[in-house]
PDB file of N, CA and C in Angstrom:
ATOM      1  N   MET A   1       0.840  -1.175   0.000  1.00  0.00           N
ATOM      2  CA  MET A   1       0.000   0.000   0.000  1.00  0.00           C
ATOM      3  C   MET A   1       0.889   1.244   0.000  1.00  0.00           C
ATOM      4  N   GLU A   2       0.663   2.111  -0.925  1.00  0.00           N
ATOM      5  CA  GLU A   2       1.463   3.329  -1.052  1.00  0.00           C
ATOM      6  C   GLU A   2       0.885   4.416  -0.156  1.00  0.00           C
ATOM      7  N   LYS A   3       1.746   5.050   0.616  1.00  0.00           N
ATOM      8  CA  LYS A   3       1.318   6.136   1.492  1.00  0.00           C
ATOM      9  C   LYS A   3       1.421   7.449   0.736  1.00  0.00           C
ATOM     10  N   LYS A   4       0.485   8.346   1.019  1.00  0.00           N
ATOM     11  CA  LYS A   4       0.467   9.634   0.344  1.00  0.00           C
ATOM     12  C   LYS A   4       1.023  10.712   1.264  1.00  0.00           C
ATOM     13  N   VAL A   5       1.772  11.617   0.684  1.00  0.00           N
ATOM     14  CA  VAL A   5       2.295  12.760   1.425  1.00  0.00           C
ATOM     15  C   VAL A   5       1.184  13.798   1.533  1.00  0.00           C
ATOM     16  N   GLU A   6       0.927  14.236   2.751  1.00  0.00           N
ATOM     17  CA  GLU A   6      -0.058  15.280   2.995  1.00  0.00           C
ATOM     18  C   GLU A   6       0.673  16.559   3.364  1.00  0.00           C
ATOM     19  N   VAL A   7       0.201  17.680   2.871  1.00  0.00           N
ATOM     20  CA  VAL A   7       0.736  18.973   3.252  1.00  0.00           C
ATOM     21  C   VAL A   7      -0.360  19.681   4.049  1.00  0.00           C
ATOM     22  N   LEU A   8      -0.041  19.992   5.294  1.00  0.00           N
ATOM     23  CA  LEU A   8      -0.994  20.614   6.211  1.00  0.00           C
ATOM     24  C   LEU A   8      -0.469  21.973   6.644  1.00  0.00           C
ATOM     25  N   HIS A   9      -1.375  22.853   7.021  1.00  0.00           N
ATOM     26  CA  HIS A   9      -0.986  24.190   7.462  1.00  0.00           C
ATOM     27  C   HIS A   9      -1.575  24.441   8.849  1.00  0.00           C
ATOM     28  N   PHE A  10      -0.714  24.877   9.766  1.00  0.00           N
ATOM     29  CA  PHE A  10      -1.122  25.172  11.136  1.00  0.00           C
ATOM     30  C   PHE A  10      -0.609  26.544  11.522  1.00  0.00           C
ATOM     31  N   ASN A  11      -1.293  27.177  12.464  1.00  0.00           N
ATOM     32  CA  ASN A  11      -0.763  28.347  13.139  1.00  0.00           C
ATOM     33  C   ASN A  11      -0.368  27.878  14.526  1.00  0.00           C
ATOM     34  N   CYS A  12       0.911  27.905  14.801  1.00  0.00           N
ATOM     35  CA  CYS A  12       1.423  27.451  16.087  1.00  0.00           C
ATOM     36  C   CYS A  12       0.956  28.419  17.170  1.00  0.00           C
ATOM     37  N   GLU A  13       0.521  27.881  18.297  1.00  0.00           N
ATOM     38  CA  GLU A  13       0.004  28.695  19.394  1.00  0.00           C
ATOM     39  C   GLU A  13       0.846  28.566  20.661  1.00  0.00           C
ATOM     40  N   VAL A  14       2.040  28.022  20.540  1.00  0.00           N
ATOM     41  CA  VAL A  14       2.861  27.753  21.718  1.00  0.00           C
ATOM     42  C   VAL A  14       3.433  29.033  22.319  1.00  0.00           C
ATOM     43  N   CYS A  15       3.860  29.953  21.501  1.00  0.00           N
ATOM     44  CA  CYS A  15       4.441  31.199  22.019  1.00  0.00           C
ATOM     45  C   CYS A  15       3.796  32.399  21.333  1.00  0.00           C
ATOM     46  N   LYS A  16       4.264  33.572  21.654  1.00  0.00           N
ATOM     47  CA  LYS A  16       3.661  34.798  21.129  1.00  0.00           C
ATOM     48  C   LYS A  16       3.908  35.035  19.648  1.00  0.00           C
ATOM     49  N   ASN A  17       4.798  34.285  19.012  1.00  0.00           N
ATOM     50  CA  ASN A  17       5.090  34.477  17.592  1.00  0.00           C
ATOM     51  C   ASN A  17       3.994  33.949  16.674  1.00  0.00           C
ATOM     52  N   HIS A  18       3.251  32.930  17.105  1.00  0.00           N
ATOM     53  CA  HIS A  18       2.170  32.330  16.306  1.00  0.00           C
ATOM     54  C   HIS A  18       2.626  32.049  14.871  1.00  0.00           C
ATOM     55  N   CYS A  19       3.692  31.288  14.739  1.00  0.00           N
ATOM     56  CA  CYS A  19       4.271  30.976  13.425  1.00  0.00           C
ATOM     57  C   CYS A  19       3.286  30.225  12.536  1.00  0.00           C
ATOM     58  N   SER A  20       3.356  30.480  11.239  1.00  0.00           N
ATOM     59  CA  SER A  20       2.571  29.744  10.242  1.00  0.00           C
ATOM     60  C   SER A  20       3.386  28.546   9.800  1.00  0.00           C
ATOM     61  N   LEU A  21       2.940  27.370  10.174  1.00  0.00           N
ATOM     62  CA  LEU A  21       3.676  26.139   9.899  1.00  0.00           C
ATOM     63  C   LEU A  21       3.145  25.457   8.647  1.00  0.00           C
ATOM     64  N   THR A  22       4.054  24.939   7.849  1.00  0.00           N
ATOM     65  CA  THR A  22       3.717  24.047   6.750  1.00  0.00           C
ATOM     66  C   THR A  22       4.287  22.693   7.137  1.00  0.00           C
ATOM     67  N   VAL A  23       3.410  21.705   7.229  1.00  0.00           N
ATOM     68  CA  VAL A  23       3.773  20.388   7.744  1.00  0.00           C
ATOM     69  C   VAL A  23       3.584  19.353   6.648  1.00  0.00           C
ATOM     70  N   GLU A  24       4.611  18.556   6.410  1.00  0.00           N
ATOM     71  CA  GLU A  24       4.507  17.434   5.477  1.00  0.00           C
ATOM     72  C   GLU A  24       4.481  16.163   6.302  1.00  0.00           C
ATOM     73  N   ALA A  25       3.450  15.367   6.082  1.00  0.00           N
ATOM     74  CA  ALA A  25       3.275  14.132   6.836  1.00  0.00           C
ATOM     75  C   ALA A  25       2.988  12.990   5.873  1.00  0.00           C
ATOM     76  N   GLU A  26       3.447  11.828   6.252  1.00  0.00           N
ATOM     77  CA  GLU A  26       3.208  10.627   5.450  1.00  0.00           C
ATOM     78  C   GLU A  26       2.879   9.495   6.404  1.00  0.00           C
ATOM     79  N   GLY A  27       1.738   8.872   6.192  1.00  0.00           N
ATOM     80  CA  GLY A  27       1.334   7.774   7.055  1.00  0.00           C
ATOM     81  C   GLY A  27       1.173   8.190   8.503  1.00  0.00           C
ATOM     82  N   GLY A  28       0.765   9.424   8.730  1.00  0.00           N
ATOM     83  CA  GLY A  28       0.560   9.898  10.079  1.00  0.00           C
ATOM     84  C   GLY A  28       1.824  10.322  10.802  1.00  0.00           C
ATOM     85  N   GLN A  29       2.946  10.325  10.104  1.00  0.00           N
ATOM     86  CA  GLN A  29       4.218  10.723  10.689  1.00  0.00           C
ATOM     87  C   GLN A  29       4.710  12.007  10.042  1.00  0.00           C
ATOM     88  N   VAL A  30       5.035  12.992  10.867  1.00  0.00           N
ATOM     89  CA  VAL A  30       5.574  14.251  10.372  1.00  0.00           C
ATOM     90  C   VAL A  30       7.014  14.024   9.940  1.00  0.00           C
ATOM     91  N   PHE A  31       7.357  14.434   8.712  1.00  0.00           N
ATOM     92  CA  PHE A  31       8.743  14.298   8.283  1.00  0.00           C
ATOM     93  C   PHE A  31       9.378  15.617   7.880  1.00  0.00           C
ATOM     94  N   ASN A  32       8.584  16.697   7.796  1.00  0.00           N
ATOM     95  CA  ASN A  32       9.164  18.007   7.494  1.00  0.00           C
ATOM     96  C   ASN A  32       8.234  19.101   8.004  1.00  0.00           C
ATOM     97  N   VAL A  33       8.830  20.095   8.670  1.00  0.00           N
ATOM     98  CA  VAL A  33       8.092  21.258   9.139  1.00  0.00           C
ATOM     99  C   VAL A  33       8.881  22.491   8.749  1.00  0.00           C
ATOM    100  N   THR A  34       8.209  23.453   8.117  1.00  0.00           N
ATOM    101  CA  THR A  34       8.846  24.727   7.795  1.00  0.00           C
ATOM    102  C   THR A  34       7.992  25.851   8.359  1.00  0.00           C
ATOM    103  N   GLY A  35       8.616  26.985   8.546  1.00  0.00           N
ATOM    104  CA  GLY A  35       7.919  28.150   9.055  1.00  0.00           C
ATOM    105  C   GLY A  35       8.003  28.305  10.556  1.00  0.00           C
ATOM    106  N   ASN A  36       8.561  27.297  11.234  1.00  0.00           N
ATOM    107  CA  ASN A  36       8.669  27.389  12.684  1.00  0.00           C
ATOM    108  C   ASN A  36       9.886  28.224  13.071  1.00  0.00           C
ATOM    109  N   GLY A  37       9.669  29.113  14.034  1.00  0.00           N
ATOM    110  CA  GLY A  37      10.751  29.968  14.502  1.00  0.00           C
ATOM    111  C   GLY A  37      11.572  29.318  15.607  1.00  0.00           C
ATOM    112  N   CYS A  38      11.078  28.196  16.136  1.00  0.00           N
ATOM    113  CA  CYS A  38      11.798  27.493  17.198  1.00  0.00           C
ATOM    114  C   CYS A  38      11.404  26.015  17.171  1.00  0.00           C
ATOM    115  N   LEU A  39      12.061  25.230  17.993  1.00  0.00           N
ATOM    116  CA  LEU A  39      11.776  23.791  18.030  1.00  0.00           C
ATOM    117  C   LEU A  39      10.400  23.487  18.620  1.00  0.00           C
ATOM    118  N   ARG A  40       9.840  24.421  19.349  1.00  0.00           N
ATOM    119  CA  ARG A  40       8.498  24.198  19.905  1.00  0.00           C
ATOM    120  C   ARG A  40       7.473  24.060  18.784  1.00  0.00           C
ATOM    121  N   GLY A  41       7.708  24.734  17.661  1.00  0.00           N
ATOM    122  CA  GLY A  41       6.811  24.617  16.520  1.00  0.00           C
ATOM    123  C   GLY A  41       6.820  23.216  15.930  1.00  0.00           C
ATOM    124  N   LEU A  42       7.986  22.592  15.911  1.00  0.00           N
ATOM    125  CA  LEU A  42       8.093  21.206  15.441  1.00  0.00           C
ATOM    126  C   LEU A  42       7.283  20.282  16.343  1.00  0.00           C
ATOM    127  N   ALA A  43       7.454  20.425  17.649  1.00  0.00           N
ATOM    128  CA  ALA A  43       6.709  19.593  18.597  1.00  0.00           C
ATOM    129  C   ALA A  43       5.206  19.838  18.474  1.00  0.00           C
ATOM    130  N   TYR A  44       4.815  21.094  18.272  1.00  0.00           N
ATOM    131  CA  TYR A  44       3.405  21.435  18.103  1.00  0.00           C
ATOM    132  C   TYR A  44       2.826  20.707  16.884  1.00  0.00           C
ATOM    133  N   ALA A  45       3.541  20.750  15.782  1.00  0.00           N
ATOM    134  CA  ALA A  45       3.070  20.099  14.552  1.00  0.00           C
ATOM    135  C   ALA A  45       2.919  18.598  14.753  1.00  0.00           C
ATOM    136  N   GLN A  46       3.876  17.980  15.429  1.00  0.00           N
ATOM    137  CA  GLN A  46       3.824  16.538  15.651  1.00  0.00           C
ATOM    138  C   GLN A  46       2.642  16.135  16.523  1.00  0.00           C
ATOM    139  N   SER A  47       2.250  17.002  17.432  1.00  0.00           N
ATOM    140  CA  SER A  47       1.166  16.655  18.342  1.00  0.00           C
ATOM    141  C   SER A  47      -0.210  17.102  17.848  1.00  0.00           C
ATOM    142  N   HIS A  48      -0.281  17.806  16.729  1.00  0.00           N
ATOM    143  CA  HIS A  48      -1.554  18.323  16.244  1.00  0.00           C
ATOM    144  C   HIS A  48      -1.950  17.823  14.864  1.00  0.00           C
ATOM    145  N   LEU A  49      -1.598  16.597  14.554  1.00  0.00           N
ATOM    146  CA  LEU A  49      -2.124  16.010  13.319  1.00  0.00           C
ATOM    147  C   LEU A  49      -3.623  15.842  13.474  1.00  0.00           C
ATOM    148  N   PRO A  50      -4.377  15.993  12.412  1.00  0.00           N
ATOM    149  CA  PRO A  50      -5.836  15.861  12.510  1.00  0.00           C
ATOM    150  C   PRO A  50      -6.251  14.512  13.065  1.00  0.00           C
ATOM    151  N   GLU A  51      -7.378  14.507  13.764  1.00  0.00           N
ATOM    152  CA  GLU A  51      -7.923  13.269  14.302  1.00  0.00           C
ATOM    153  C   GLU A  51      -8.143  12.246  13.193  1.00  0.00           C
ATOM    154  N   GLY A  52      -7.965  10.987  13.536  1.00  0.00           N
ATOM    155  CA  GLY A  52      -8.136   9.924  12.558  1.00  0.00           C
ATOM    156  C   GLY A  52      -6.875   9.590  11.796  1.00  0.00           C
ATOM    157  N   LYS A  53      -5.804  10.347  12.009  1.00  0.00           N
ATOM    158  CA  LYS A  53      -4.539  10.065  11.352  1.00  0.00           C
ATOM    159  C   LYS A  53      -3.725   9.154  12.264  1.00  0.00           C
ATOM    160  N   GLU A  54      -2.986   8.250  11.670  1.00  0.00           N
ATOM    161  CA  GLU A  54      -2.087   7.387  12.438  1.00  0.00           C
ATOM    162  C   GLU A  54      -0.985   8.248  13.036  1.00  0.00           C
ATOM    163  N   ARG A  55      -0.472   7.832  14.170  1.00  0.00           N
ATOM    164  CA  ARG A  55       0.662   8.527  14.776  1.00  0.00           C
ATOM    165  C   ARG A  55       1.748   7.560  15.068  1.00  0.00           C
TER     166      ARG A  55
END
């Protein structure tokens, strides 16, 4: 079964910067995050995949 790459967009709410994140995920696993100003944005993206997605 071939997994599809999904591109998702989030506004990070962890700090006052509210970075606009572009998240690439495949099979419910985040493999690339851009737009984050700090590592907290990466963690935010990993924990906020839409419901029903594998983790």
